[in-house]
mmCIF file of all heavy atoms, coordinates in Angstrom:
data_MODEL
# 
_entry.id   MODEL 
# 
loop_
_atom_site.group_PDB 
_atom_site.id 
_atom_site.type_symbol 
_atom_site.label_atom_id 
_atom_site.label_alt_id 
_atom_site.label_comp_id 
_atom_site.label_asym_id 
_atom_site.label_entity_id 
_atom_site.label_seq_id 
_atom_site.pdbx_PDB_ins_code 
_atom_site.Cartn_x 
_atom_site.Cartn_y 
_atom_site.Cartn_z 
_atom_site.occupancy 
_atom_site.B_iso_or_equiv 
_atom_site.pdbx_formal_charge 
_atom_site.auth_seq_id 
_atom_site.auth_comp_id 
_atom_site.auth_asym_id 
_atom_site.auth_atom_id 
_atom_site.pdbx_PDB_model_num 
ATOM 1   N N   . ASP A 1 1  ? 3.106   -63.315 -3.802  1.00 0.00 ? 1  ASP A N   1 
ATOM 2   C CA  . ASP A 1 1  ? 4.162   -62.358 -3.460  1.00 0.00 ? 1  ASP A CA  1 
ATOM 3   C C   . ASP A 1 1  ? 4.751   -61.649 -4.682  1.00 0.00 ? 1  ASP A C   1 
ATOM 4   O O   . ASP A 1 1  ? 5.044   -60.449 -4.630  1.00 0.00 ? 1  ASP A O   1 
ATOM 5   C CB  . ASP A 1 1  ? 5.284   -63.061 -2.692  1.00 0.00 ? 1  ASP A CB  1 
ATOM 6   C CG  . ASP A 1 1  ? 4.908   -63.374 -1.264  1.00 0.00 ? 1  ASP A CG  1 
ATOM 7   O OD1 . ASP A 1 1  ? 3.900   -62.816 -0.784  1.00 0.00 ? 1  ASP A OD1 1 
ATOM 8   O OD2 . ASP A 1 1  ? 5.602   -64.181 -0.618  1.00 0.00 ? 1  ASP A OD2 1 
ATOM 9   N N   . SER A 1 2  ? 4.933   -62.342 -5.778  1.00 0.00 ? 2  SER A N   1 
ATOM 10  C CA  . SER A 1 2  ? 5.618   -61.751 -6.930  1.00 0.00 ? 2  SER A CA  1 
ATOM 11  C C   . SER A 1 2  ? 4.789   -60.682 -7.643  1.00 0.00 ? 2  SER A C   1 
ATOM 12  O O   . SER A 1 2  ? 5.331   -59.921 -8.455  1.00 0.00 ? 2  SER A O   1 
ATOM 13  C CB  . SER A 1 2  ? 6.017   -62.826 -7.931  1.00 0.00 ? 2  SER A CB  1 
ATOM 14  O OG  . SER A 1 2  ? 4.882   -63.362 -8.575  1.00 0.00 ? 2  SER A OG  1 
ATOM 15  N N   . VAL A 1 3  ? 3.476   -60.599 -7.340  1.00 0.00 ? 3  VAL A N   1 
ATOM 16  C CA  . VAL A 1 3  ? 2.637   -59.609 -8.014  1.00 0.00 ? 3  VAL A CA  1 
ATOM 17  C C   . VAL A 1 3  ? 2.199   -58.485 -7.077  1.00 0.00 ? 3  VAL A C   1 
ATOM 18  O O   . VAL A 1 3  ? 1.570   -57.527 -7.526  1.00 0.00 ? 3  VAL A O   1 
ATOM 19  C CB  . VAL A 1 3  ? 1.396   -60.257 -8.669  1.00 0.00 ? 3  VAL A CB  1 
ATOM 20  C CG1 . VAL A 1 3  ? 1.808   -61.427 -9.559  1.00 0.00 ? 3  VAL A CG1 1 
ATOM 21  C CG2 . VAL A 1 3  ? 0.371   -60.694 -7.637  1.00 0.00 ? 3  VAL A CG2 1 
ATOM 22  N N   . LYS A 1 4  ? 2.516   -58.611 -5.806  1.00 0.00 ? 4  LYS A N   1 
ATOM 23  C CA  . LYS A 1 4  ? 2.135   -57.563 -4.851  1.00 0.00 ? 4  LYS A CA  1 
ATOM 24  C C   . LYS A 1 4  ? 2.720   -56.224 -5.260  1.00 0.00 ? 4  LYS A C   1 
ATOM 25  O O   . LYS A 1 4  ? 3.889   -56.132 -5.616  1.00 0.00 ? 4  LYS A O   1 
ATOM 26  C CB  . LYS A 1 4  ? 2.616   -57.933 -3.443  1.00 0.00 ? 4  LYS A CB  1 
ATOM 27  C CG  . LYS A 1 4  ? 1.788   -58.998 -2.764  1.00 0.00 ? 4  LYS A CG  1 
ATOM 28  C CD  . LYS A 1 4  ? 2.323   -59.296 -1.376  1.00 0.00 ? 4  LYS A CD  1 
ATOM 29  C CE  . LYS A 1 4  ? 1.515   -60.375 -0.695  1.00 0.00 ? 4  LYS A CE  1 
ATOM 30  N NZ  . LYS A 1 4  ? 2.082   -60.745 0.630   1.00 0.00 ? 4  LYS A NZ  1 
ATOM 31  N N   . GLY A 1 5  ? 1.881   -55.197 -5.234  1.00 0.00 ? 5  GLY A N   1 
ATOM 32  C CA  . GLY A 1 5  ? 2.318   -53.862 -5.614  1.00 0.00 ? 5  GLY A CA  1 
ATOM 33  C C   . GLY A 1 5  ? 2.242   -53.599 -7.102  1.00 0.00 ? 5  GLY A C   1 
ATOM 34  O O   . GLY A 1 5  ? 2.371   -52.446 -7.539  1.00 0.00 ? 5  GLY A O   1 
ATOM 35  N N   . ARG A 1 6  ? 2.050   -54.652 -7.913  1.00 0.00 ? 6  ARG A N   1 
ATOM 36  C CA  . ARG A 1 6  ? 1.931   -54.481 -9.369  1.00 0.00 ? 6  ARG A CA  1 
ATOM 37  C C   . ARG A 1 6  ? 0.528   -54.801 -9.868  1.00 0.00 ? 6  ARG A C   1 
ATOM 38  O O   . ARG A 1 6  ? 0.050   -54.180 -10.819 1.00 0.00 ? 6  ARG A O   1 
ATOM 39  C CB  . ARG A 1 6  ? 2.939   -55.378 -10.097 1.00 0.00 ? 6  ARG A CB  1 
ATOM 40  C CG  . ARG A 1 6  ? 4.383   -55.108 -9.747  1.00 0.00 ? 6  ARG A CG  1 
ATOM 41  C CD  . ARG A 1 6  ? 5.326   -55.888 -10.659 1.00 0.00 ? 6  ARG A CD  1 
ATOM 42  N NE  . ARG A 1 6  ? 5.186   -57.329 -10.535 1.00 0.00 ? 6  ARG A NE  1 
ATOM 43  C CZ  . ARG A 1 6  ? 4.891   -58.147 -11.549 1.00 0.00 ? 6  ARG A CZ  1 
ATOM 44  N NH1 . ARG A 1 6  ? 4.735   -57.657 -12.764 1.00 0.00 ? 6  ARG A NH1 1 
ATOM 45  N NH2 . ARG A 1 6  ? 4.788   -59.450 -11.341 1.00 0.00 ? 6  ARG A NH2 1 
ATOM 46  N N   . PHE A 1 7  ? -0.114  -55.790 -9.268  1.00 0.00 ? 7  PHE A N   1 
ATOM 47  C CA  . PHE A 1 7  ? -1.449  -56.237 -9.693  1.00 0.00 ? 7  PHE A CA  1 
ATOM 48  C C   . PHE A 1 7  ? -2.483  -55.803 -8.665  1.00 0.00 ? 7  PHE A C   1 
ATOM 49  O O   . PHE A 1 7  ? -2.211  -55.799 -7.464  1.00 0.00 ? 7  PHE A O   1 
ATOM 50  C CB  . PHE A 1 7  ? -1.484  -57.746 -9.829  1.00 0.00 ? 7  PHE A CB  1 
ATOM 51  C CG  . PHE A 1 7  ? -0.679  -58.327 -10.955 1.00 0.00 ? 7  PHE A CG  1 
ATOM 52  C CD1 . PHE A 1 7  ? 0.223   -57.566 -11.690 1.00 0.00 ? 7  PHE A CD1 1 
ATOM 53  C CD2 . PHE A 1 7  ? -0.831  -59.674 -11.295 1.00 0.00 ? 7  PHE A CD2 1 
ATOM 54  C CE1 . PHE A 1 7  ? 0.955   -58.114 -12.727 1.00 0.00 ? 7  PHE A CE1 1 
ATOM 55  C CE2 . PHE A 1 7  ? -0.111  -60.243 -12.331 1.00 0.00 ? 7  PHE A CE2 1 
ATOM 56  C CZ  . PHE A 1 7  ? 0.795   -59.465 -13.036 1.00 0.00 ? 7  PHE A CZ  1 
ATOM 57  N N   . THR A 1 8  ? -3.686  -55.503 -9.151  1.00 0.00 ? 8  THR A N   1 
ATOM 58  C CA  . THR A 1 8  ? -4.803  -55.164 -8.282  1.00 0.00 ? 8  THR A CA  1 
ATOM 59  C C   . THR A 1 8  ? -6.048  -55.898 -8.758  1.00 0.00 ? 8  THR A C   1 
ATOM 60  O O   . THR A 1 8  ? -6.423  -55.792 -9.927  1.00 0.00 ? 8  THR A O   1 
ATOM 61  C CB  . THR A 1 8  ? -5.081  -53.659 -8.283  1.00 0.00 ? 8  THR A CB  1 
ATOM 62  O OG1 . THR A 1 8  ? -3.903  -52.947 -7.886  1.00 0.00 ? 8  THR A OG1 1 
ATOM 63  C CG2 . THR A 1 8  ? -6.218  -53.328 -7.316  1.00 0.00 ? 8  THR A CG2 1 
ATOM 64  N N   . ILE A 1 9  ? -6.663  -56.635 -7.847  1.00 0.00 ? 9  ILE A N   1 
ATOM 65  C CA  . ILE A 1 9  ? -7.893  -57.345 -8.165  1.00 0.00 ? 9  ILE A CA  1 
ATOM 66  C C   . ILE A 1 9  ? -9.079  -56.522 -7.660  1.00 0.00 ? 9  ILE A C   1 
ATOM 67  O O   . ILE A 1 9  ? -9.003  -55.894 -6.597  1.00 0.00 ? 9  ILE A O   1 
ATOM 68  C CB  . ILE A 1 9  ? -7.894  -58.765 -7.559  1.00 0.00 ? 9  ILE A CB  1 
ATOM 69  C CG1 . ILE A 1 9  ? -9.070  -59.581 -8.089  1.00 0.00 ? 9  ILE A CG1 1 
ATOM 70  C CG2 . ILE A 1 9  ? -7.865  -58.725 -6.032  1.00 0.00 ? 9  ILE A CG2 1 
ATOM 71  C CD1 . ILE A 1 9  ? -9.010  -61.070 -7.699  1.00 0.00 ? 9  ILE A CD1 1 
ATOM 72  N N   . SER A 1 10 ? -10.162 -56.536 -8.425  1.00 0.00 ? 10 SER A N   1 
ATOM 73  C CA  . SER A 1 10 ? -11.371 -55.814 -8.020  1.00 0.00 ? 10 SER A CA  1 
ATOM 74  C C   . SER A 1 10 ? -12.580 -56.570 -8.551  1.00 0.00 ? 10 SER A C   1 
ATOM 75  O O   . SER A 1 10 ? -12.450 -57.439 -9.420  1.00 0.00 ? 10 SER A O   1 
ATOM 76  C CB  . SER A 1 10 ? -11.355 -54.377 -8.555  1.00 0.00 ? 10 SER A CB  1 
ATOM 77  O OG  . SER A 1 10 ? -11.310 -54.369 -9.972  1.00 0.00 ? 10 SER A OG  1 
ATOM 78  N N   . ARG A 1 11 ? -13.743 -56.242 -8.016  1.00 0.00 ? 11 ARG A N   1 
ATOM 79  C CA  . ARG A 1 11 ? -14.962 -56.900 -8.474  1.00 0.00 ? 11 ARG A CA  1 
ATOM 80  C C   . ARG A 1 11 ? -16.124 -55.928 -8.461  1.00 0.00 ? 11 ARG A C   1 
ATOM 81  O O   . ARG A 1 11 ? -16.124 -54.949 -7.707  1.00 0.00 ? 11 ARG A O   1 
ATOM 82  C CB  . ARG A 1 11 ? -15.276 -58.125 -7.615  1.00 0.00 ? 11 ARG A CB  1 
ATOM 83  C CG  . ARG A 1 11 ? -15.671 -57.821 -6.181  1.00 0.00 ? 11 ARG A CG  1 
ATOM 84  C CD  . ARG A 1 11 ? -15.782 -59.116 -5.370  1.00 0.00 ? 11 ARG A CD  1 
ATOM 85  N NE  . ARG A 1 11 ? -16.882 -59.948 -5.822  1.00 0.00 ? 11 ARG A NE  1 
ATOM 86  C CZ  . ARG A 1 11 ? -16.983 -61.256 -5.557  1.00 0.00 ? 11 ARG A CZ  1 
ATOM 87  N NH1 . ARG A 1 11 ? -16.040 -61.862 -4.841  1.00 0.00 ? 11 ARG A NH1 1 
ATOM 88  N NH2 . ARG A 1 11 ? -18.023 -61.941 -5.989  1.00 0.00 ? 11 ARG A NH2 1 
ATOM 89  N N   . ASP A 1 12 ? -17.111 -56.226 -9.292  1.00 0.00 ? 12 ASP A N   1 
ATOM 90  C CA  . ASP A 1 12 ? -18.345 -55.456 -9.345  1.00 0.00 ? 12 ASP A CA  1 
ATOM 91  C C   . ASP A 1 12 ? -19.482 -56.463 -9.250  1.00 0.00 ? 12 ASP A C   1 
ATOM 92  O O   . ASP A 1 12 ? -19.815 -57.130 -10.243 1.00 0.00 ? 12 ASP A O   1 
ATOM 93  C CB  . ASP A 1 12 ? -18.416 -54.647 -10.637 1.00 0.00 ? 12 ASP A CB  1 
ATOM 94  C CG  . ASP A 1 12 ? -19.624 -53.729 -10.690 1.00 0.00 ? 12 ASP A CG  1 
ATOM 95  O OD1 . ASP A 1 12 ? -20.625 -53.998 -9.989  1.00 0.00 ? 12 ASP A OD1 1 
ATOM 96  O OD2 . ASP A 1 12 ? -19.586 -52.744 -11.436 1.00 0.00 ? 12 ASP A OD2 1 
ATOM 97  N N   . ASN A 1 13 ? -20.056 -56.598 -8.076  1.00 0.00 ? 13 ASN A N   1 
ATOM 98  C CA  . ASN A 1 13 ? -21.104 -57.603 -7.877  1.00 0.00 ? 13 ASN A CA  1 
ATOM 99  C C   . ASN A 1 13 ? -22.377 -57.257 -8.646  1.00 0.00 ? 13 ASN A C   1 
ATOM 100 O O   . ASN A 1 13 ? -23.175 -58.143 -8.948  1.00 0.00 ? 13 ASN A O   1 
ATOM 101 C CB  . ASN A 1 13 ? -21.405 -57.758 -6.391  1.00 0.00 ? 13 ASN A CB  1 
ATOM 102 C CG  . ASN A 1 13 ? -20.306 -58.508 -5.661  1.00 0.00 ? 13 ASN A CG  1 
ATOM 103 O OD1 . ASN A 1 13 ? -19.449 -59.144 -6.282  1.00 0.00 ? 13 ASN A OD1 1 
ATOM 104 N ND2 . ASN A 1 13 ? -20.311 -58.434 -4.344  1.00 0.00 ? 13 ASN A ND2 1 
ATOM 105 N N   . ALA A 1 14 ? -22.590 -56.008 -8.958  1.00 0.00 ? 14 ALA A N   1 
ATOM 106 C CA  . ALA A 1 14 ? -23.766 -55.620 -9.740  1.00 0.00 ? 14 ALA A CA  1 
ATOM 107 C C   . ALA A 1 14 ? -23.644 -56.063 -11.195 1.00 0.00 ? 14 ALA A C   1 
ATOM 108 O O   . ALA A 1 14 ? -24.661 -56.306 -11.858 1.00 0.00 ? 14 ALA A O   1 
ATOM 109 C CB  . ALA A 1 14 ? -23.968 -54.114 -9.671  1.00 0.00 ? 14 ALA A CB  1 
ATOM 110 N N   . LYS A 1 15 ? -22.409 -56.179 -11.665 1.00 0.00 ? 15 LYS A N   1 
ATOM 111 C CA  . LYS A 1 15 ? -22.179 -56.559 -13.065 1.00 0.00 ? 15 LYS A CA  1 
ATOM 112 C C   . LYS A 1 15 ? -21.631 -57.978 -13.210 1.00 0.00 ? 15 LYS A C   1 
ATOM 113 O O   . LYS A 1 15 ? -21.346 -58.412 -14.321 1.00 0.00 ? 15 LYS A O   1 
ATOM 114 C CB  . LYS A 1 15 ? -21.209 -55.564 -13.715 1.00 0.00 ? 15 LYS A CB  1 
ATOM 115 C CG  . LYS A 1 15 ? -21.757 -54.149 -13.807 1.00 0.00 ? 15 LYS A CG  1 
ATOM 116 C CD  . LYS A 1 15 ? -20.766 -53.227 -14.511 1.00 0.00 ? 15 LYS A CD  1 
ATOM 117 C CE  . LYS A 1 15 ? -21.343 -51.819 -14.628 1.00 0.00 ? 15 LYS A CE  1 
ATOM 118 N NZ  . LYS A 1 15 ? -20.374 -50.895 -15.301 1.00 0.00 ? 15 LYS A NZ  1 
ATOM 119 N N   . ASN A 1 16 ? -21.467 -58.666 -12.075 1.00 0.00 ? 16 ASN A N   1 
ATOM 120 C CA  . ASN A 1 16 ? -20.929 -60.037 -12.102 1.00 0.00 ? 16 ASN A CA  1 
ATOM 121 C C   . ASN A 1 16 ? -19.571 -60.106 -12.798 1.00 0.00 ? 16 ASN A C   1 
ATOM 122 O O   . ASN A 1 16 ? -19.309 -60.996 -13.622 1.00 0.00 ? 16 ASN A O   1 
ATOM 123 C CB  . ASN A 1 16 ? -21.906 -61.001 -12.783 1.00 0.00 ? 16 ASN A CB  1 
ATOM 124 C CG  . ASN A 1 16 ? -23.101 -61.331 -11.921 1.00 0.00 ? 16 ASN A CG  1 
ATOM 125 O OD1 . ASN A 1 16 ? -23.270 -60.775 -10.825 1.00 0.00 ? 16 ASN A OD1 1 
ATOM 126 N ND2 . ASN A 1 16 ? -23.944 -62.219 -12.394 1.00 0.00 ? 16 ASN A ND2 1 
ATOM 127 N N   . THR A 1 17 ? -18.717 -59.161 -12.467 1.00 0.00 ? 17 THR A N   1 
ATOM 128 C CA  . THR A 1 17 ? -17.398 -59.151 -13.090 1.00 0.00 ? 17 THR A CA  1 
ATOM 129 C C   . THR A 1 17 ? -16.291 -59.050 -12.042 1.00 0.00 ? 17 THR A C   1 
ATOM 130 O O   . THR A 1 17 ? -16.482 -58.464 -10.970 1.00 0.00 ? 17 THR A O   1 
ATOM 131 C CB  . THR A 1 17 ? -17.244 -57.979 -14.067 1.00 0.00 ? 17 THR A CB  1 
ATOM 132 O OG1 . THR A 1 17 ? -17.445 -56.744 -13.371 1.00 0.00 ? 17 THR A OG1 1 
ATOM 133 C CG2 . THR A 1 17 ? -18.229 -58.079 -15.215 1.00 0.00 ? 17 THR A CG2 1 
ATOM 134 N N   . VAL A 1 18 ? -15.170 -59.630 -12.369 1.00 0.00 ? 18 VAL A N   1 
ATOM 135 C CA  . VAL A 1 18 ? -13.959 -59.493 -11.581 1.00 0.00 ? 18 VAL A CA  1 
ATOM 136 C C   . VAL A 1 18 ? -12.847 -59.098 -12.540 1.00 0.00 ? 18 VAL A C   1 
ATOM 137 O O   . VAL A 1 18 ? -12.795 -59.588 -13.670 1.00 0.00 ? 18 VAL A O   1 
ATOM 138 C CB  . VAL A 1 18 ? -13.624 -60.781 -10.811 1.00 0.00 ? 18 VAL A CB  1 
ATOM 139 C CG1 . VAL A 1 18 ? -13.464 -61.965 -11.731 1.00 0.00 ? 18 VAL A CG1 1 
ATOM 140 C CG2 . VAL A 1 18 ? -12.387 -60.595 -9.936  1.00 0.00 ? 18 VAL A CG2 1 
ATOM 141 N N   . SER A 1 19 ? -11.997 -58.192 -12.095 1.00 0.00 ? 19 SER A N   1 
ATOM 142 C CA  . SER A 1 19 ? -10.941 -57.672 -12.953 1.00 0.00 ? 19 SER A CA  1 
ATOM 143 C C   . SER A 1 19 ? -9.576  -57.817 -12.295 1.00 0.00 ? 19 SER A C   1 
ATOM 144 O O   . SER A 1 19 ? -9.477  -57.927 -11.070 1.00 0.00 ? 19 SER A O   1 
ATOM 145 C CB  . SER A 1 19 ? -11.199 -56.193 -13.261 1.00 0.00 ? 19 SER A CB  1 
ATOM 146 O OG  . SER A 1 19 ? -12.421 -56.029 -13.959 1.00 0.00 ? 19 SER A OG  1 
ATOM 147 N N   . LEU A 1 20 ? -8.555  -57.804 -13.127 1.00 0.00 ? 20 LEU A N   1 
ATOM 148 C CA  . LEU A 1 20 ? -7.185  -57.844 -12.646 1.00 0.00 ? 20 LEU A CA  1 
ATOM 149 C C   . LEU A 1 20 ? -6.401  -56.790 -13.412 1.00 0.00 ? 20 LEU A C   1 
ATOM 150 O O   . LEU A 1 20 ? -6.152  -56.943 -14.612 1.00 0.00 ? 20 LEU A O   1 
ATOM 151 C CB  . LEU A 1 20 ? -6.564  -59.220 -12.850 1.00 0.00 ? 20 LEU A CB  1 
ATOM 152 C CG  . LEU A 1 20 ? -5.172  -59.397 -12.249 1.00 0.00 ? 20 LEU A CG  1 
ATOM 153 C CD1 . LEU A 1 20 ? -5.244  -59.375 -10.707 1.00 0.00 ? 20 LEU A CD1 1 
ATOM 154 C CD2 . LEU A 1 20 ? -4.534  -60.706 -12.716 1.00 0.00 ? 20 LEU A CD2 1 
ATOM 155 N N   . GLN A 1 21 ? -6.049  -55.708 -12.730 1.00 0.00 ? 21 GLN A N   1 
ATOM 156 C CA  . GLN A 1 21 ? -5.210  -54.673 -13.319 1.00 0.00 ? 21 GLN A CA  1 
ATOM 157 C C   . GLN A 1 21 ? -3.759  -55.074 -13.111 1.00 0.00 ? 21 GLN A C   1 
ATOM 158 O O   . GLN A 1 21 ? -3.330  -55.260 -11.969 1.00 0.00 ? 21 GLN A O   1 
ATOM 159 C CB  . GLN A 1 21 ? -5.489  -53.320 -12.666 1.00 0.00 ? 21 GLN A CB  1 
ATOM 160 C CG  . GLN A 1 21 ? -4.611  -52.192 -13.171 1.00 0.00 ? 21 GLN A CG  1 
ATOM 161 C CD  . GLN A 1 21 ? -4.886  -51.854 -14.624 1.00 0.00 ? 21 GLN A CD  1 
ATOM 162 O OE1 . GLN A 1 21 ? -6.032  -51.805 -15.056 1.00 0.00 ? 21 GLN A OE1 1 
ATOM 163 N NE2 . GLN A 1 21 ? -3.816  -51.621 -15.395 1.00 0.00 ? 21 GLN A NE2 1 
ATOM 164 N N   . MET A 1 22 ? -3.029  -55.203 -14.206 1.00 0.00 ? 22 MET A N   1 
ATOM 165 C CA  . MET A 1 22 ? -1.652  -55.667 -14.136 1.00 0.00 ? 22 MET A CA  1 
ATOM 166 C C   . MET A 1 22 ? -0.740  -54.565 -14.661 1.00 0.00 ? 22 MET A C   1 
ATOM 167 O O   . MET A 1 22 ? -0.824  -54.199 -15.838 1.00 0.00 ? 22 MET A O   1 
ATOM 168 C CB  . MET A 1 22 ? -1.472  -56.941 -14.967 1.00 0.00 ? 22 MET A CB  1 
ATOM 169 C CG  . MET A 1 22 ? -2.435  -58.049 -14.589 1.00 0.00 ? 22 MET A CG  1 
ATOM 170 S SD  . MET A 1 22 ? -2.084  -59.601 -15.441 1.00 0.00 ? 22 MET A SD  1 
ATOM 171 C CE  . MET A 1 22 ? -2.421  -59.120 -17.129 1.00 0.00 ? 22 MET A CE  1 
ATOM 172 N N   . ASN A 1 23 ? 0.088   -54.041 -13.791 1.00 0.00 ? 23 ASN A N   1 
ATOM 173 C CA  . ASN A 1 23 ? 1.029   -52.985 -14.149 1.00 0.00 ? 23 ASN A CA  1 
ATOM 174 C C   . ASN A 1 23 ? 2.463   -53.505 -14.067 1.00 0.00 ? 23 ASN A C   1 
ATOM 175 O O   . ASN A 1 23 ? 2.728   -54.532 -13.440 1.00 0.00 ? 23 ASN A O   1 
ATOM 176 C CB  . ASN A 1 23 ? 0.862   -51.778 -13.216 1.00 0.00 ? 23 ASN A CB  1 
ATOM 177 C CG  . ASN A 1 23 ? -0.511  -51.166 -13.298 1.00 0.00 ? 23 ASN A CG  1 
ATOM 178 O OD1 . ASN A 1 23 ? -1.169  -51.179 -14.346 1.00 0.00 ? 23 ASN A OD1 1 
ATOM 179 N ND2 . ASN A 1 23 ? -0.973  -50.608 -12.198 1.00 0.00 ? 23 ASN A ND2 1 
ATOM 180 N N   . SER A 1 24 ? 3.368   -52.767 -14.689 1.00 0.00 ? 24 SER A N   1 
ATOM 181 C CA  . SER A 1 24 ? 4.799   -53.127 -14.643 1.00 0.00 ? 24 SER A CA  1 
ATOM 182 C C   . SER A 1 24 ? 5.009   -54.595 -14.989 1.00 0.00 ? 24 SER A C   1 
ATOM 183 O O   . SER A 1 24 ? 5.696   -55.328 -14.268 1.00 0.00 ? 24 SER A O   1 
ATOM 184 C CB  . SER A 1 24 ? 5.376   -52.805 -13.263 1.00 0.00 ? 24 SER A CB  1 
ATOM 185 O OG  . SER A 1 24 ? 5.207   -51.450 -12.938 1.00 0.00 ? 24 SER A OG  1 
ATOM 186 N N   . LEU A 1 25 ? 4.409   -55.028 -16.066 1.00 0.00 ? 25 LEU A N   1 
ATOM 187 C CA  . LEU A 1 25 ? 4.475   -56.444 -16.436 1.00 0.00 ? 25 LEU A CA  1 
ATOM 188 C C   . LEU A 1 25 ? 5.898   -56.877 -16.743 1.00 0.00 ? 25 LEU A C   1 
ATOM 189 O O   . LEU A 1 25 ? 6.714   -56.098 -17.269 1.00 0.00 ? 25 LEU A O   1 
ATOM 190 C CB  . LEU A 1 25 ? 3.559   -56.713 -17.618 1.00 0.00 ? 25 LEU A CB  1 
ATOM 191 C CG  . LEU A 1 25 ? 2.076   -56.792 -17.255 1.00 0.00 ? 25 LEU A CG  1 
ATOM 192 C CD1 . LEU A 1 25 ? 1.197   -56.619 -18.473 1.00 0.00 ? 25 LEU A CD1 1 
ATOM 193 C CD2 . LEU A 1 25 ? 1.771   -58.119 -16.567 1.00 0.00 ? 25 LEU A CD2 1 
ATOM 194 N N   . LYS A 1 26 ? 6.178   -58.122 -16.415 1.00 0.00 ? 26 LYS A N   1 
ATOM 195 C CA  . LYS A 1 26 ? 7.492   -58.721 -16.615 1.00 0.00 ? 26 LYS A CA  1 
ATOM 196 C C   . LYS A 1 26 ? 7.352   -59.954 -17.505 1.00 0.00 ? 26 LYS A C   1 
ATOM 197 O O   . LYS A 1 26 ? 6.279   -60.576 -17.539 1.00 0.00 ? 26 LYS A O   1 
ATOM 198 C CB  . LYS A 1 26 ? 8.082   -59.138 -15.268 1.00 0.00 ? 26 LYS A CB  1 
ATOM 199 C CG  . LYS A 1 26 ? 8.195   -58.011 -14.253 1.00 0.00 ? 26 LYS A CG  1 
ATOM 200 C CD  . LYS A 1 26 ? 8.698   -58.541 -12.926 1.00 0.00 ? 26 LYS A CD  1 
ATOM 201 C CE  . LYS A 1 26 ? 8.801   -57.421 -11.890 1.00 0.00 ? 26 LYS A CE  1 
ATOM 202 N NZ  . LYS A 1 26 ? 9.286   -57.936 -10.583 1.00 0.00 ? 26 LYS A NZ  1 
ATOM 203 N N   . PRO A 1 27 ? 8.406   -60.349 -18.182 1.00 0.00 ? 27 PRO A N   1 
ATOM 204 C CA  . PRO A 1 27 ? 8.322   -61.569 -19.009 1.00 0.00 ? 27 PRO A CA  1 
ATOM 205 C C   . PRO A 1 27 ? 7.868   -62.789 -18.210 1.00 0.00 ? 27 PRO A C   1 
ATOM 206 O O   . PRO A 1 27 ? 7.166   -63.650 -18.757 1.00 0.00 ? 27 PRO A O   1 
ATOM 207 C CB  . PRO A 1 27 ? 9.755   -61.730 -19.527 1.00 0.00 ? 27 PRO A CB  1 
ATOM 208 C CG  . PRO A 1 27 ? 10.287  -60.333 -19.581 1.00 0.00 ? 27 PRO A CG  1 
ATOM 209 C CD  . PRO A 1 27 ? 9.684   -59.643 -18.387 1.00 0.00 ? 27 PRO A CD  1 
# 
């Protein structure tokens, strides 16, 4: 809940990678 709207998870199965875009970071 605390990261909804700020973080986005994505994956690329062709490259075997998963990413986490983190915006509006907080302490």
